[in-house]
Amino acid sequence: MHELSIAVNIVEMIEENAEREKAHNVDKFEIDVGTLSGVVIDALEFALEEAVKDSVCSKAVWKINKIEAKAKCRKCGHVYSVDDYFSPCPKCMGFGKEILQGKEIQLKSITVE
């Protein structure tokens, strides 16, 4: 379950930011996770519950935003939602696409006390 290592890395980033800001507590944080990132959001939520224990964000409220994947067809320019890397463009049935969003996993915001 790589979600646990992701959760631990997120908590480490939050702790580094809190230390830099000389904050003792983190009130809330927000994470963006793309549908093509390979991260299972339910597993990440479970892992975060464990990773935040005994950290500056142990009492923080947190939110995970699911970022739906979008692609642009290189053949016809159509922008569309994608569920995987292999589906063709629904407009022209072309396979060349540029993924515009949905691969990300990022710490979007942190609110400290």
PDB file of N, CA and C in Angstrom:
ATOM      1  N   MET A   1       0.866  -1.184   0.000  1.00  0.00           N
ATOM      2  CA  MET A   1       0.000   0.000   0.000  1.00  0.00           C
ATOM      3  C   MET A   1       0.901   1.231   0.000  1.00  0.00           C
ATOM      4  N   HIS A   2       1.102   1.826  -1.161  1.00  0.00           N
ATOM      5  CA  HIS A   2       1.964   3.001  -1.252  1.00  0.00           C
ATOM      6  C   HIS A   2       1.283   4.249  -0.697  1.00  0.00           C
ATOM      7  N   GLU A   3      -0.001   4.167  -0.428  1.00  0.00           N
ATOM      8  CA  GLU A   3      -0.700   5.314   0.155  1.00  0.00           C
ATOM      9  C   GLU A   3      -0.153   5.671   1.530  1.00  0.00           C
ATOM     10  N   LEU A   4       0.325   4.673   2.282  1.00  0.00           N
ATOM     11  CA  LEU A   4       0.905   4.960   3.597  1.00  0.00           C
ATOM     12  C   LEU A   4       2.168   5.794   3.457  1.00  0.00           C
ATOM     13  N   SER A   5       3.035   5.455   2.518  1.00  0.00           N
ATOM     14  CA  SER A   5       4.248   6.261   2.337  1.00  0.00           C
ATOM     15  C   SER A   5       3.903   7.661   1.830  1.00  0.00           C
ATOM     16  N   ILE A   6       2.870   7.774   1.014  1.00  0.00           N
ATOM     17  CA  ILE A   6       2.414   9.096   0.559  1.00  0.00           C
ATOM     18  C   ILE A   6       1.911   9.900   1.746  1.00  0.00           C
ATOM     19  N   ALA A   7       1.108   9.272   2.597  1.00  0.00           N
ATOM     20  CA  ALA A   7       0.572   9.963   3.785  1.00  0.00           C
ATOM     21  C   ALA A   7       1.698  10.422   4.709  1.00  0.00           C
ATOM     22  N   VAL A   8       2.677   9.575   4.920  1.00  0.00           N
ATOM     23  CA  VAL A   8       3.817   9.937   5.773  1.00  0.00           C
ATOM     24  C   VAL A   8       4.585  11.108   5.160  1.00  0.00           C
ATOM     25  N   ASN A   9       4.790  11.086   3.849  1.00  0.00           N
ATOM     26  CA  ASN A   9       5.484  12.200   3.176  1.00  0.00           C
ATOM     27  C   ASN A   9       4.693  13.497   3.293  1.00  0.00           C
ATOM     28  N   ILE A  10       3.379  13.422   3.178  1.00  0.00           N
ATOM     29  CA  ILE A  10       2.539  14.617   3.321  1.00  0.00           C
ATOM     30  C   ILE A  10       2.683  15.188   4.720  1.00  0.00           C
ATOM     31  N   VAL A  11       2.614  14.335   5.732  1.00  0.00           N
ATOM     32  CA  VAL A  11       2.761  14.802   7.117  1.00  0.00           C
ATOM     33  C   VAL A  11       4.139  15.414   7.326  1.00  0.00           C
ATOM     34  N   GLU A  12       5.169  14.825   6.754  1.00  0.00           N
ATOM     35  CA  GLU A  12       6.520  15.394   6.876  1.00  0.00           C
ATOM     36  C   GLU A  12       6.591  16.781   6.237  1.00  0.00           C
ATOM     37  N   MET A  13       5.974  16.949   5.072  1.00  0.00           N
ATOM     38  CA  MET A  13       5.953  18.267   4.424  1.00  0.00           C
ATOM     39  C   MET A  13       5.218  19.286   5.293  1.00  0.00           C
ATOM     40  N   ILE A  14       4.105  18.867   5.871  1.00  0.00           N
ATOM     41  CA  ILE A  14       3.335  19.760   6.743  1.00  0.00           C
ATOM     42  C   ILE A  14       4.161  20.143   7.954  1.00  0.00           C
ATOM     43  N   GLU A  15       4.840  19.180   8.555  1.00  0.00           N
ATOM     44  CA  GLU A  15       5.665  19.471   9.729  1.00  0.00           C
ATOM     45  C   GLU A  15       6.806  20.421   9.391  1.00  0.00           C
ATOM     46  N   GLU A  16       7.428  20.242   8.225  1.00  0.00           N
ATOM     47  CA  GLU A  16       8.496  21.151   7.795  1.00  0.00           C
ATOM     48  C   GLU A  16       7.973  22.573   7.631  1.00  0.00           C
ATOM     49  N   ASN A  17       6.800  22.702   7.024  1.00  0.00           N
ATOM     50  CA  ASN A  17       6.199  24.029   6.857  1.00  0.00           C
ATOM     51  C   ASN A  17       5.830  24.642   8.197  1.00  0.00           C
ATOM     52  N   ALA A  18       5.283  23.854   9.088  1.00  0.00           N
ATOM     53  CA  ALA A  18       4.905  24.358  10.412  1.00  0.00           C
ATOM     54  C   ALA A  18       6.140  24.813  11.180  1.00  0.00           C
ATOM     55  N   GLU A  19       7.205  24.049  11.102  1.00  0.00           N
ATOM     56  CA  GLU A  19       8.447  24.419  11.783  1.00  0.00           C
ATOM     57  C   GLU A  19       9.012  25.718  11.221  1.00  0.00           C
ATOM     58  N   ARG A  20       8.991  25.845   9.901  1.00  0.00           N
ATOM     59  CA  ARG A  20       9.483  27.061   9.248  1.00  0.00           C
ATOM     60  C   ARG A  20       8.677  28.284   9.688  1.00  0.00           C
ATOM     61  N   GLU A  21       7.374  28.094   9.899  1.00  0.00           N
ATOM     62  CA  GLU A  21       6.497  29.191  10.318  1.00  0.00           C
ATOM     63  C   GLU A  21       6.420  29.330  11.836  1.00  0.00           C
ATOM     64  N   LYS A  22       7.163  28.474  12.539  1.00  0.00           N
ATOM     65  CA  LYS A  22       7.173  28.456  14.003  1.00  0.00           C
ATOM     66  C   LYS A  22       5.766  28.232  14.576  1.00  0.00           C
ATOM     67  N   ALA A  23       5.012  27.383  13.922  1.00  0.00           N
ATOM     68  CA  ALA A  23       3.649  27.048  14.349  1.00  0.00           C
ATOM     69  C   ALA A  23       3.688  25.777  15.191  1.00  0.00           C
ATOM     70  N   HIS A  24       2.843  25.739  16.204  1.00  0.00           N
ATOM     71  CA  HIS A  24       2.788  24.578  17.096  1.00  0.00           C
ATOM     72  C   HIS A  24       1.697  23.597  16.701  1.00  0.00           C
ATOM     73  N   ASN A  25       0.704  24.104  15.990  1.00  0.00           N
ATOM     74  CA  ASN A  25      -0.400  23.252  15.558  1.00  0.00           C
ATOM     75  C   ASN A  25      -0.801  23.599  14.135  1.00  0.00           C
ATOM     76  N   VAL A  26      -1.289  22.591  13.448  1.00  0.00           N
ATOM     77  CA  VAL A  26      -1.860  22.780  12.126  1.00  0.00           C
ATOM     78  C   VAL A  26      -3.363  22.631  12.271  1.00  0.00           C
ATOM     79  N   ASP A  27      -4.098  23.656  11.833  1.00  0.00           N
ATOM     80  CA  ASP A  27      -5.554  23.635  11.964  1.00  0.00           C
ATOM     81  C   ASP A  27      -6.217  22.802  10.870  1.00  0.00           C
ATOM     82  N   LYS A  28      -5.719  22.953   9.645  1.00  0.00           N
ATOM     83  CA  LYS A  28      -6.286  22.182   8.546  1.00  0.00           C
ATOM     84  C   LYS A  28      -5.305  22.112   7.391  1.00  0.00           C
ATOM     85  N   PHE A  29      -5.527  21.107   6.547  1.00  0.00           N
ATOM     86  CA  PHE A  29      -4.753  20.996   5.317  1.00  0.00           C
ATOM     87  C   PHE A  29      -5.618  20.338   4.249  1.00  0.00           C
ATOM     88  N   GLU A  30      -5.215  20.567   3.012  1.00  0.00           N
ATOM     89  CA  GLU A  30      -6.002  20.110   1.870  1.00  0.00           C
ATOM     90  C   GLU A  30      -5.058  19.478   0.844  1.00  0.00           C
ATOM     91  N   ILE A  31      -5.509  18.379   0.256  1.00  0.00           N
ATOM     92  CA  ILE A  31      -4.705  17.625  -0.710  1.00  0.00           C
ATOM     93  C   ILE A  31      -5.511  17.438  -1.991  1.00  0.00           C
ATOM     94  N   ASP A  32      -4.864  17.611  -3.132  1.00  0.00           N
ATOM     95  CA  ASP A  32      -5.478  17.305  -4.430  1.00  0.00           C
ATOM     96  C   ASP A  32      -4.936  15.962  -4.913  1.00  0.00           C
ATOM     97  N   VAL A  33      -5.852  15.071  -5.328  1.00  0.00           N
ATOM     98  CA  VAL A  33      -5.467  13.764  -5.839  1.00  0.00           C
ATOM     99  C   VAL A  33      -6.190  13.533  -7.158  1.00  0.00           C
ATOM    100  N   GLY A  34      -5.429  13.348  -8.222  1.00  0.00           N
ATOM    101  CA  GLY A  34      -6.003  13.105  -9.538  1.00  0.00           C
ATOM    102  C   GLY A  34      -6.451  11.664  -9.717  1.00  0.00           C
ATOM    103  N   THR A  35      -7.468  11.484 -10.530  1.00  0.00           N
ATOM    104  CA  THR A  35      -8.015  10.144 -10.752  1.00  0.00           C
ATOM    105  C   THR A  35      -7.065   9.242 -11.539  1.00  0.00           C
ATOM    106  N   LEU A  36      -6.055   9.811 -12.180  1.00  0.00           N
ATOM    107  CA  LEU A  36      -5.058   9.006 -12.878  1.00  0.00           C
ATOM    108  C   LEU A  36      -3.736   8.919 -12.106  1.00  0.00           C
ATOM    109  N   SER A  37      -3.734   9.348 -10.856  1.00  0.00           N
ATOM    110  CA  SER A  37      -2.505   9.371 -10.063  1.00  0.00           C
ATOM    111  C   SER A  37      -2.090   7.984  -9.572  1.00  0.00           C
ATOM    112  N   GLY A  38      -3.001   7.037  -9.596  1.00  0.00           N
ATOM    113  CA  GLY A  38      -2.704   5.710  -9.071  1.00  0.00           C
ATOM    114  C   GLY A  38      -2.940   5.601  -7.579  1.00  0.00           C
ATOM    115  N   VAL A  39      -3.453   6.663  -6.965  1.00  0.00           N
ATOM    116  CA  VAL A  39      -3.711   6.679  -5.537  1.00  0.00           C
ATOM    117  C   VAL A  39      -5.181   6.333  -5.290  1.00  0.00           C
ATOM    118  N   VAL A  40      -5.404   5.397  -4.379  1.00  0.00           N
ATOM    119  CA  VAL A  40      -6.762   5.051  -3.966  1.00  0.00           C
ATOM    120  C   VAL A  40      -7.120   5.982  -2.812  1.00  0.00           C
ATOM    121  N   ILE A  41      -8.085   6.845  -3.031  1.00  0.00           N
ATOM    122  CA  ILE A  41      -8.411   7.889  -2.053  1.00  0.00           C
ATOM    123  C   ILE A  41      -8.832   7.297  -0.711  1.00  0.00           C
ATOM    124  N   ASP A  42      -9.644   6.253  -0.706  1.00  0.00           N
ATOM    125  CA  ASP A  42     -10.049   5.630   0.564  1.00  0.00           C
ATOM    126  C   ASP A  42      -8.839   5.113   1.334  1.00  0.00           C
ATOM    127  N   ALA A  43      -7.885   4.521   0.631  1.00  0.00           N
ATOM    128  CA  ALA A  43      -6.671   4.019   1.281  1.00  0.00           C
ATOM    129  C   ALA A  43      -5.819   5.172   1.803  1.00  0.00           C
ATOM    130  N   LEU A  44      -5.764   6.274   1.061  1.00  0.00           N
ATOM    131  CA  LEU A  44      -5.016   7.445   1.512  1.00  0.00           C
ATOM    132  C   LEU A  44      -5.651   8.039   2.762  1.00  0.00           C
ATOM    133  N   GLU A  45      -6.972   8.105   2.796  1.00  0.00           N
ATOM    134  CA  GLU A  45      -7.662   8.606   3.990  1.00  0.00           C
ATOM    135  C   GLU A  45      -7.329   7.757   5.211  1.00  0.00           C
ATOM    136  N   PHE A  46      -7.377   6.452   5.047  1.00  0.00           N
ATOM    137  CA  PHE A  46      -7.046   5.535   6.133  1.00  0.00           C
ATOM    138  C   PHE A  46      -5.605   5.737   6.585  1.00  0.00           C
ATOM    139  N   ALA A  47      -4.693   5.841   5.631  1.00  0.00           N
ATOM    140  CA  ALA A  47      -3.280   6.028   5.938  1.00  0.00           C
ATOM    141  C   ALA A  47      -3.027   7.361   6.633  1.00  0.00           C
ATOM    142  N   LEU A  48      -3.722   8.408   6.210  1.00  0.00           N
ATOM    143  CA  LEU A  48      -3.556   9.719   6.849  1.00  0.00           C
ATOM    144  C   LEU A  48      -3.989   9.695   8.311  1.00  0.00           C
ATOM    145  N   GLU A  49      -5.059   8.953   8.594  1.00  0.00           N
ATOM    146  CA  GLU A  49      -5.515   8.848   9.979  1.00  0.00           C
ATOM    147  C   GLU A  49      -4.405   8.335  10.885  1.00  0.00           C
ATOM    148  N   GLU A  50      -3.603   7.413  10.378  1.00  0.00           N
ATOM    149  CA  GLU A  50      -2.478   6.888  11.151  1.00  0.00           C
ATOM    150  C   GLU A  50      -1.281   7.827  11.120  1.00  0.00           C
ATOM    151  N   ALA A  51      -0.997   8.407   9.976  1.00  0.00           N
ATOM    152  CA  ALA A  51       0.203   9.233   9.804  1.00  0.00           C
ATOM    153  C   ALA A  51       0.152  10.524  10.618  1.00  0.00           C
ATOM    154  N   VAL A  52      -1.028  11.081  10.841  1.00  0.00           N
ATOM    155  CA  VAL A  52      -1.114  12.353  11.564  1.00  0.00           C
ATOM    156  C   VAL A  52      -0.983  12.187  13.075  1.00  0.00           C
ATOM    157  N   LYS A  53      -1.155  10.964  13.573  1.00  0.00           N
ATOM    158  CA  LYS A  53      -1.051  10.738  15.017  1.00  0.00           C
ATOM    159  C   LYS A  53       0.315  11.188  15.519  1.00  0.00           C
ATOM    160  N   ASP A  54       0.311  11.848  16.669  1.00  0.00           N
ATOM    161  CA  ASP A  54       1.541  12.327  17.303  1.00  0.00           C
ATOM    162  C   ASP A  54       2.332  13.294  16.431  1.00  0.00           C
ATOM    163  N   SER A  55       1.642  14.063  15.606  1.00  0.00           N
ATOM    164  CA  SER A  55       2.300  15.074  14.781  1.00  0.00           C
ATOM    165  C   SER A  55       1.641  16.428  15.043  1.00  0.00           C
ATOM    166  N   VAL A  56       2.192  17.472  14.443  1.00  0.00           N
ATOM    167  CA  VAL A  56       1.611  18.808  14.621  1.00  0.00           C
ATOM    168  C   VAL A  56       0.231  18.916  13.979  1.00  0.00           C
ATOM    169  N   CYS A  57      -0.110  17.955  13.150  1.00  0.00           N
ATOM    170  CA  CYS A  57      -1.427  17.995  12.508  1.00  0.00           C
ATOM    171  C   CYS A  57      -2.367  16.919  13.050  1.00  0.00           C
ATOM    172  N   SER A  58      -2.095  16.448  14.272  1.00  0.00           N
ATOM    173  CA  SER A  58      -2.924  15.390  14.855  1.00  0.00           C
ATOM    174  C   SER A  58      -4.368  15.827  15.084  1.00  0.00           C
ATOM    175  N   LYS A  59      -4.579  17.125  15.284  1.00  0.00           N
ATOM    176  CA  LYS A  59      -5.939  17.629  15.510  1.00  0.00           C
ATOM    177  C   LYS A  59      -6.481  18.396  14.305  1.00  0.00           C
ATOM    178  N   ALA A  60      -5.756  18.353  13.223  1.00  0.00           N
ATOM    179  CA  ALA A  60      -6.146  19.113  12.035  1.00  0.00           C
ATOM    180  C   ALA A  60      -7.347  18.483  11.338  1.00  0.00           C
ATOM    181  N   VAL A  61      -8.129  19.345  10.727  1.00  0.00           N
ATOM    182  CA  VAL A  61      -9.187  18.913   9.825  1.00  0.00           C
ATOM    183  C   VAL A  61      -8.545  18.844   8.447  1.00  0.00           C
ATOM    184  N   TRP A  62      -8.791  17.781   7.719  1.00  0.00           N
ATOM    185  CA  TRP A  62      -8.190  17.679   6.402  1.00  0.00           C
ATOM    186  C   TRP A  62      -9.212  17.250   5.373  1.00  0.00           C
ATOM    187  N   LYS A  63      -8.891  17.613   4.132  1.00  0.00           N
ATOM    188  CA  LYS A  63      -9.795  17.348   3.019  1.00  0.00           C
ATOM    189  C   LYS A  63      -8.981  16.855   1.835  1.00  0.00           C
ATOM    190  N   ILE A  64      -9.524  15.855   1.155  1.00  0.00           N
ATOM    191  CA  ILE A  64      -8.908  15.359  -0.068  1.00  0.00           C
ATOM    192  C   ILE A  64      -9.831  15.699  -1.220  1.00  0.00           C
ATOM    193  N   ASN A  65      -9.319  16.461  -2.172  1.00  0.00           N
ATOM    194  CA  ASN A  65     -10.081  16.832  -3.367  1.00  0.00           C
ATOM    195  C   ASN A  65      -9.766  15.855  -4.488  1.00  0.00           C
ATOM    196  N   LYS A  66     -10.798  15.267  -5.051  1.00  0.00           N
ATOM    197  CA  LYS A  66     -10.629  14.351  -6.179  1.00  0.00           C
ATOM    198  C   LYS A  66     -10.628  15.180  -7.461  1.00  0.00           C
ATOM    199  N   ILE A  67      -9.521  15.143  -8.199  1.00  0.00           N
ATOM    200  CA  ILE A  67      -9.371  15.908  -9.433  1.00  0.00           C
ATOM    201  C   ILE A  67      -9.644  14.975 -10.615  1.00  0.00           C
ATOM    202  N   GLU A  68     -10.748  15.220 -11.294  1.00  0.00           N
ATOM    203  CA  GLU A  68     -11.116  14.401 -12.446  1.00  0.00           C
ATOM    204  C   GLU A  68     -10.136  14.635 -13.591  1.00  0.00           C
ATOM    205  N   ALA A  69      -9.746  13.561 -14.230  1.00  0.00           N
ATOM    206  CA  ALA A  69      -8.775  13.645 -15.320  1.00  0.00           C
ATOM    207  C   ALA A  69      -9.421  14.211 -16.585  1.00  0.00           C
ATOM    208  N   LYS A  70      -8.685  15.078 -17.250  1.00  0.00           N
ATOM    209  CA  LYS A  70      -9.094  15.671 -18.520  1.00  0.00           C
ATOM    210  C   LYS A  70      -7.940  15.541 -19.501  1.00  0.00           C
ATOM    211  N   ALA A  71      -8.301  15.350 -20.760  1.00  0.00           N
ATOM    212  CA  ALA A  71      -7.297  15.216 -21.814  1.00  0.00           C
ATOM    213  C   ALA A  71      -7.698  16.064 -23.007  1.00  0.00           C
ATOM    214  N   LYS A  72      -6.703  16.380 -23.836  1.00  0.00           N
ATOM    215  CA  LYS A  72      -6.930  17.106 -25.084  1.00  0.00           C
ATOM    216  C   LYS A  72      -6.428  16.229 -26.225  1.00  0.00           C
ATOM    217  N   CYS A  73      -7.290  15.974 -27.178  1.00  0.00           N
ATOM    218  CA  CYS A  73      -6.938  15.158 -28.330  1.00  0.00           C
ATOM    219  C   CYS A  73      -5.934  15.919 -29.203  1.00  0.00           C
ATOM    220  N   ARG A  74      -4.845  15.268 -29.550  1.00  0.00           N
ATOM    221  CA  ARG A  74      -3.834  15.901 -30.402  1.00  0.00           C
ATOM    222  C   ARG A  74      -4.270  15.957 -31.863  1.00  0.00           C
ATOM    223  N   LYS A  75      -5.248  15.150 -32.209  1.00  0.00           N
ATOM    224  CA  LYS A  75      -5.721  15.108 -33.592  1.00  0.00           C
ATOM    225  C   LYS A  75      -6.768  16.191 -33.864  1.00  0.00           C
ATOM    226  N   CYS A  76      -7.793  16.299 -33.002  1.00  0.00           N
ATOM    227  CA  CYS A  76      -8.887  17.232 -33.278  1.00  0.00           C
ATOM    228  C   CYS A  76      -9.007  18.371 -32.270  1.00  0.00           C
ATOM    229  N   GLY A  77      -8.235  18.319 -31.171  1.00  0.00           N
ATOM    230  CA  GLY A  77      -8.257  19.392 -30.184  1.00  0.00           C
ATOM    231  C   GLY A  77      -9.377  19.309 -29.160  1.00  0.00           C
ATOM    232  N   HIS A  78     -10.195  18.282 -29.232  1.00  0.00           N
ATOM    233  CA  HIS A  78     -11.315  18.118 -28.299  1.00  0.00           C
ATOM    234  C   HIS A  78     -10.792  17.868 -26.885  1.00  0.00           C
ATOM    235  N   VAL A  79     -11.355  18.563 -25.887  1.00  0.00           N
ATOM    236  CA  VAL A  79     -11.023  18.360 -24.475  1.00  0.00           C
ATOM    237  C   VAL A  79     -12.133  17.513 -23.869  1.00  0.00           C
ATOM    238  N   TYR A  80     -11.747  16.462 -23.171  1.00  0.00           N
ATOM    239  CA  TYR A  80     -12.734  15.527 -22.645  1.00  0.00           C
ATOM    240  C   TYR A  80     -12.238  14.862 -21.355  1.00  0.00           C
ATOM    241  N   SER A  81     -13.173  14.304 -20.607  1.00  0.00           N
ATOM    242  CA  SER A  81     -12.849  13.556 -19.393  1.00  0.00           C
ATOM    243  C   SER A  81     -12.334  12.183 -19.773  1.00  0.00           C
ATOM    244  N   VAL A  82     -11.355  11.696 -19.014  1.00  0.00           N
ATOM    245  CA  VAL A  82     -10.798  10.369 -19.264  1.00  0.00           C
ATOM    246  C   VAL A  82     -10.804   9.554 -17.975  1.00  0.00           C
ATOM    247  N   ASP A  83     -10.989   8.252 -18.150  1.00  0.00           N
ATOM    248  CA  ASP A  83     -10.948   7.335 -17.009  1.00  0.00           C
ATOM    249  C   ASP A  83      -9.665   6.515 -16.989  1.00  0.00           C
ATOM    250  N   ASP A  84      -8.955   6.495 -18.122  1.00  0.00           N
ATOM    251  CA  ASP A  84      -7.721   5.733 -18.224  1.00  0.00           C
ATOM    252  C   ASP A  84      -6.853   6.337 -19.335  1.00  0.00           C
ATOM    253  N   TYR A  85      -5.689   5.780 -19.513  1.00  0.00           N
ATOM    254  CA  TYR A  85      -4.755   6.300 -20.514  1.00  0.00           C
ATOM    255  C   TYR A  85      -5.002   5.748 -21.918  1.00  0.00           C
ATOM    256  N   PHE A  86      -5.876   4.767 -22.043  1.00  0.00           N
ATOM    257  CA  PHE A  86      -5.975   4.008 -23.286  1.00  0.00           C
ATOM    258  C   PHE A  86      -7.214   4.289 -24.129  1.00  0.00           C
ATOM    259  N   SER A  87      -8.181   4.981 -23.600  1.00  0.00           N
ATOM    260  CA  SER A  87      -9.420   5.234 -24.338  1.00  0.00           C
ATOM    261  C   SER A  87      -9.196   6.267 -25.439  1.00  0.00           C
ATOM    262  N   PRO A  88      -9.863   6.078 -26.579  1.00  0.00           N
ATOM    263  CA  PRO A  88      -9.723   7.053 -27.672  1.00  0.00           C
ATOM    264  C   PRO A  88     -10.562   8.304 -27.415  1.00  0.00           C
ATOM    265  N   CYS A  89     -10.298   9.323 -28.179  1.00  0.00           N
ATOM    266  CA  CYS A  89     -11.081  10.560 -28.143  1.00  0.00           C
ATOM    267  C   CYS A  89     -12.532  10.210 -28.522  1.00  0.00           C
ATOM    268  N   PRO A  90     -13.495  10.661 -27.761  1.00  0.00           N
ATOM    269  CA  PRO A  90     -14.883  10.345 -28.088  1.00  0.00           C
ATOM    270  C   PRO A  90     -15.395  11.068 -29.336  1.00  0.00           C
ATOM    271  N   LYS A  91     -14.684  12.109 -29.762  1.00  0.00           N
ATOM    272  CA  LYS A  91     -15.126  12.873 -30.932  1.00  0.00           C
ATOM    273  C   LYS A  91     -14.587  12.291 -32.246  1.00  0.00           C
ATOM    274  N   CYS A  92     -13.266  12.031 -32.308  1.00  0.00           N
ATOM    275  CA  CYS A  92     -12.663  11.587 -33.572  1.00  0.00           C
ATOM    276  C   CYS A  92     -12.108  10.165 -33.504  1.00  0.00           C
ATOM    277  N   MET A  93     -12.152   9.560 -32.309  1.00  0.00           N
ATOM    278  CA  MET A  93     -11.639   8.213 -32.061  1.00  0.00           C
ATOM    279  C   MET A  93     -10.114   8.114 -32.195  1.00  0.00           C
ATOM    280  N   GLY A  94      -9.434   9.256 -32.166  1.00  0.00           N
ATOM    281  CA  GLY A  94      -7.977   9.262 -32.187  1.00  0.00           C
ATOM    282  C   GLY A  94      -7.411   8.860 -30.832  1.00  0.00           C
ATOM    283  N   PHE A  95      -6.182   8.316 -30.844  1.00  0.00           N
ATOM    284  CA  PHE A  95      -5.575   7.850 -29.595  1.00  0.00           C
ATOM    285  C   PHE A  95      -4.519   8.787 -29.028  1.00  0.00           C
ATOM    286  N   GLY A  96      -4.036   9.729 -29.793  1.00  0.00           N
ATOM    287  CA  GLY A  96      -3.040  10.657 -29.277  1.00  0.00           C
ATOM    288  C   GLY A  96      -3.694  11.702 -28.404  1.00  0.00           C
ATOM    289  N   LYS A  97      -3.273  11.779 -27.160  1.00  0.00           N
ATOM    290  CA  LYS A  97      -3.856  12.759 -26.244  1.00  0.00           C
ATOM    291  C   LYS A  97      -2.807  13.335 -25.317  1.00  0.00           C
ATOM    292  N   GLU A  98      -3.086  14.528 -24.854  1.00  0.00           N
ATOM    293  CA  GLU A  98      -2.279  15.186 -23.838  1.00  0.00           C
ATOM    294  C   GLU A  98      -3.122  15.235 -22.574  1.00  0.00           C
ATOM    295  N   ILE A  99      -2.602  14.677 -21.483  1.00  0.00           N
ATOM    296  CA  ILE A  99      -3.321  14.715 -20.214  1.00  0.00           C
ATOM    297  C   ILE A  99      -3.153  16.114 -19.635  1.00  0.00           C
ATOM    298  N   LEU A 100      -4.259  16.806 -19.422  1.00  0.00           N
ATOM    299  CA  LEU A 100      -4.242  18.175 -18.906  1.00  0.00           C
ATOM    300  C   LEU A 100      -4.267  18.213 -17.378  1.00  0.00           C
ATOM    301  N   GLN A 101      -4.990  17.297 -16.773  1.00  0.00           N
ATOM    302  CA  GLN A 101      -5.073  17.222 -15.316  1.00  0.00           C
ATOM    303  C   GLN A 101      -5.505  15.825 -14.939  1.00  0.00           C
ATOM    304  N   GLY A 102      -5.241  15.482 -13.675  1.00  0.00           N
ATOM    305  CA  GLY A 102      -5.685  14.195 -13.166  1.00  0.00           C
ATOM    306  C   GLY A 102      -4.557  13.273 -12.745  1.00  0.00           C
ATOM    307  N   LYS A 103      -3.296  13.666 -13.006  1.00  0.00           N
ATOM    308  CA  LYS A 103      -2.164  12.839 -12.587  1.00  0.00           C
ATOM    309  C   LYS A 103      -1.578  13.326 -11.254  1.00  0.00           C
ATOM    310  N   GLU A 104      -2.045  14.470 -10.785  1.00  0.00           N
ATOM    311  CA  GLU A 104      -1.414  15.115  -9.645  1.00  0.00           C
ATOM    312  C   GLU A 104      -1.775  14.476  -8.304  1.00  0.00           C
ATOM    313  N   ILE A 105      -0.834  14.619  -7.388  1.00  0.00           N
ATOM    314  CA  ILE A 105      -1.083  14.438  -5.967  1.00  0.00           C
ATOM    315  C   ILE A 105      -0.245  15.521  -5.311  1.00  0.00           C
ATOM    316  N   GLN A 106      -0.930  16.467  -4.679  1.00  0.00           N
ATOM    317  CA  GLN A 106      -0.203  17.611  -4.129  1.00  0.00           C
ATOM    318  C   GLN A 106      -0.866  18.136  -2.871  1.00  0.00           C
ATOM    319  N   LEU A 107      -0.031  18.657  -2.012  1.00  0.00           N
ATOM    320  CA  LEU A 107      -0.497  19.341  -0.817  1.00  0.00           C
ATOM    321  C   LEU A 107      -0.911  20.730  -1.257  1.00  0.00           C
ATOM    322  N   LYS A 108      -2.209  20.979  -1.249  1.00  0.00           N
ATOM    323  CA  LYS A 108      -2.740  22.229  -1.808  1.00  0.00           C
ATOM    324  C   LYS A 108      -2.629  23.391  -0.825  1.00  0.00           C
ATOM    325  N   SER A 109      -2.989  23.153   0.428  1.00  0.00           N
ATOM    326  CA  SER A 109      -2.941  24.252   1.409  1.00  0.00           C
ATOM    327  C   SER A 109      -2.759  23.719   2.826  1.00  0.00           C
ATOM    328  N   ILE A 110      -2.201  24.600   3.655  1.00  0.00           N
ATOM    329  CA  ILE A 110      -2.001  24.308   5.081  1.00  0.00           C
ATOM    330  C   ILE A 110      -2.403  25.562   5.842  1.00  0.00           C
ATOM    331  N   THR A 111      -3.190  25.394   6.896  1.00  0.00           N
ATOM    332  CA  THR A 111      -3.525  26.498   7.786  1.00  0.00           C
ATOM    333  C   THR A 111      -2.955  26.177   9.158  1.00  0.00           C
ATOM    334  N   VAL A 112      -2.083  27.067   9.654  1.00  0.00           N
ATOM    335  CA  VAL A 112      -1.427  26.840  10.940  1.00  0.00           C
ATOM    336  C   VAL A 112      -1.898  27.840  11.973  1.00  0.00           C
ATOM    337  N   GLU A 113      -1.665  27.489  13.218  1.00  0.00           N
ATOM    338  CA  GLU A 113      -2.033  28.347  14.360  1.00  0.00           C
ATOM    339  C   GLU A 113      -0.837  29.149  14.805  1.00  0.00           C
TER     340      GLU A 113
END
